[in-house]
C-alpha atoms as a PDB file:
ATOM      1  CA  UNK A   1     -91.714  28.826-122.113  1.00  0.00           C
ATOM      2  CA  UNK A   2     -88.221  27.571-121.520  1.00  0.00           C
ATOM      3  CA  UNK A   3     -87.051  30.688-119.681  1.00  0.00           C
ATOM      4  CA  UNK A   4     -89.851  30.370-117.174  1.00  0.00           C
ATOM      5  CA  UNK A   5     -88.850  26.774-116.483  1.00  0.00           C
ATOM      6  CA  UNK A   6     -85.186  27.758-116.127  1.00  0.00           C
ATOM      7  CA  UNK A   7     -86.192  30.518-113.717  1.00  0.00           C
ATOM      8  CA  UNK A   8     -88.126  28.016-111.583  1.00  0.00           C
ATOM      9  CA  UNK A   9     -85.177  25.627-111.540  1.00  0.00           C
ATOM     10  CA  UNK A  10     -82.640  28.346-110.713  1.00  0.00           C
ATOM     11  CA  UNK A  11     -84.462  31.172-108.896  1.00  0.00           C
ATOM     12  CA  UNK A  12     -81.244  33.110-108.248  1.00  0.00           C
ATOM     13  CA  UNK A  13     -80.374  33.235-111.963  1.00  0.00           C
ATOM     14  CA  UNK A  14     -79.883  36.753-113.269  1.00  0.00           C
ATOM     15  CA  UNK A  15     -77.996  36.250-116.556  1.00  0.00           C
ATOM     16  CA  UNK A  16     -78.215  33.645-119.267  1.00  0.00           C
ATOM     17  CA  UNK A  17     -75.804  33.132-122.165  1.00  0.00           C
ATOM     18  CA  UNK A  18     -77.367  32.584-125.577  1.00  0.00           C
ATOM     19  CA  UNK A  19     -75.967  31.066-128.752  1.00  0.00           C
ATOM     20  CA  UNK A  20     -77.730  32.009-131.960  1.00  0.00           C
ATOM     21  CA  UNK A  21     -77.633  30.957-135.586  1.00  0.00           C
ATOM     22  CA  UNK A  22     -76.775  33.894-137.829  1.00  0.00           C
ATOM     23  CA  UNK A  23     -77.746  31.891-140.926  1.00  0.00           C
ATOM     24  CA  UNK A  24     -81.350  31.327-139.828  1.00  0.00           C
ATOM     25  CA  UNK A  25     -83.634  34.281-140.642  1.00  0.00           C
ATOM     26  CA  UNK A  26     -86.082  33.174-137.926  1.00  0.00           C
ATOM     27  CA  UNK A  27     -83.452  33.725-135.231  1.00  0.00           C
ATOM     28  CA  UNK A  28     -83.922  37.482-134.872  1.00  0.00           C
ATOM     29  CA  UNK A  29     -87.684  37.480-134.130  1.00  0.00           C
ATOM     30  CA  UNK A  30     -87.324  34.481-131.829  1.00  0.00           C
ATOM     31  CA  UNK A  31     -84.512  36.190-129.941  1.00  0.00           C
ATOM     32  CA  UNK A  32     -86.570  39.382-129.654  1.00  0.00           C
ATOM     33  CA  UNK A  33     -89.497  37.423-128.205  1.00  0.00           C
ATOM     34  CA  UNK A  34     -87.140  35.649-125.813  1.00  0.00           C
ATOM     35  CA  UNK A  35     -85.697  38.990-124.702  1.00  0.00           C
ATOM     36  CA  UNK A  36     -89.198  40.250-123.909  1.00  0.00           C
ATOM     37  CA  UNK A  37     -89.852  37.219-121.698  1.00  0.00           C
ATOM     38  CA  UNK A  38     -86.431  37.607-120.075  1.00  0.00           C
ATOM     39  CA  UNK A  39     -87.177  41.242-119.197  1.00  0.00           C
ATOM     40  CA  UNK A  40     -90.471  40.203-117.622  1.00  0.00           C
ATOM     41  CA  UNK A  41     -88.595  37.607-115.551  1.00  0.00           C
ATOM     42  CA  UNK A  42     -85.835  40.114-114.737  1.00  0.00           C
ATOM     43  CA  UNK A  43     -83.208  38.079-116.566  1.00  0.00           C
ATOM     44  CA  UNK A  44     -80.407  39.441-118.718  1.00  0.00           C
ATOM     45  CA  UNK A  45     -79.708  37.565-121.931  1.00  0.00           C
ATOM     46  CA  UNK A  46     -76.129  37.655-123.158  1.00  0.00           C
ATOM     47  CA  UNK A  47     -75.977  36.825-126.870  1.00  0.00           C
ATOM     48  CA  UNK A  48     -72.459  35.467-126.489  1.00  0.00           C
ATOM     49  CA  UNK A  49     -71.743  34.106-129.904  1.00  0.00           C
ATOM     50  CA  UNK A  50     -73.188  33.717-133.344  1.00  0.00           C
ATOM     51  CA  UNK A  51     -72.916  30.273-134.817  1.00  0.00           C
ATOM     52  CA  UNK A  52     -73.723  29.364-138.383  1.00  0.00           C
ATOM     53  CA  UNK A  53     -72.034  26.037-138.846  1.00  0.00           C
ATOM     54  CA  UNK A  54     -71.818  22.938-136.701  1.00  0.00           C
ATOM     55  CA  UNK A  55     -68.069  23.269-136.209  1.00  0.00           C
ATOM     56  CA  UNK A  56     -68.576  26.697-134.604  1.00  0.00           C
ATOM     57  CA  UNK A  57     -70.600  25.332-131.687  1.00  0.00           C
ATOM     58  CA  UNK A  58     -67.757  23.857-129.600  1.00  0.00           C
ATOM     59  CA  UNK A  59     -65.595  27.015-129.745  1.00  0.00           C
ATOM     60  CA  UNK A  60     -68.663  29.106-128.869  1.00  0.00           C
ATOM     61  CA  UNK A  61     -69.399  26.943-125.820  1.00  0.00           C
ATOM     62  CA  UNK A  62     -65.750  27.187-124.739  1.00  0.00           C
ATOM     63  CA  UNK A  63     -65.948  30.976-124.990  1.00  0.00           C
ATOM     64  CA  UNK A  64     -68.886  30.973-122.586  1.00  0.00           C
ATOM     65  CA  UNK A  65     -67.350  29.003-119.969  1.00  0.00           C
END
């Protein structure tokens, strides 16, 4: 899984920001599965911003960082 790879690349990582698509009904179960993996890896996921349209991505990324 991607989180496991990220954890290997950055062992000191403790938090990870997440963007998610509020218009995609598959997002919630995927996020829940990702949270379960994150807990196992002792990572905190921060669902920073919902995005639903392409033009919302840049402002969301700016808010993160």
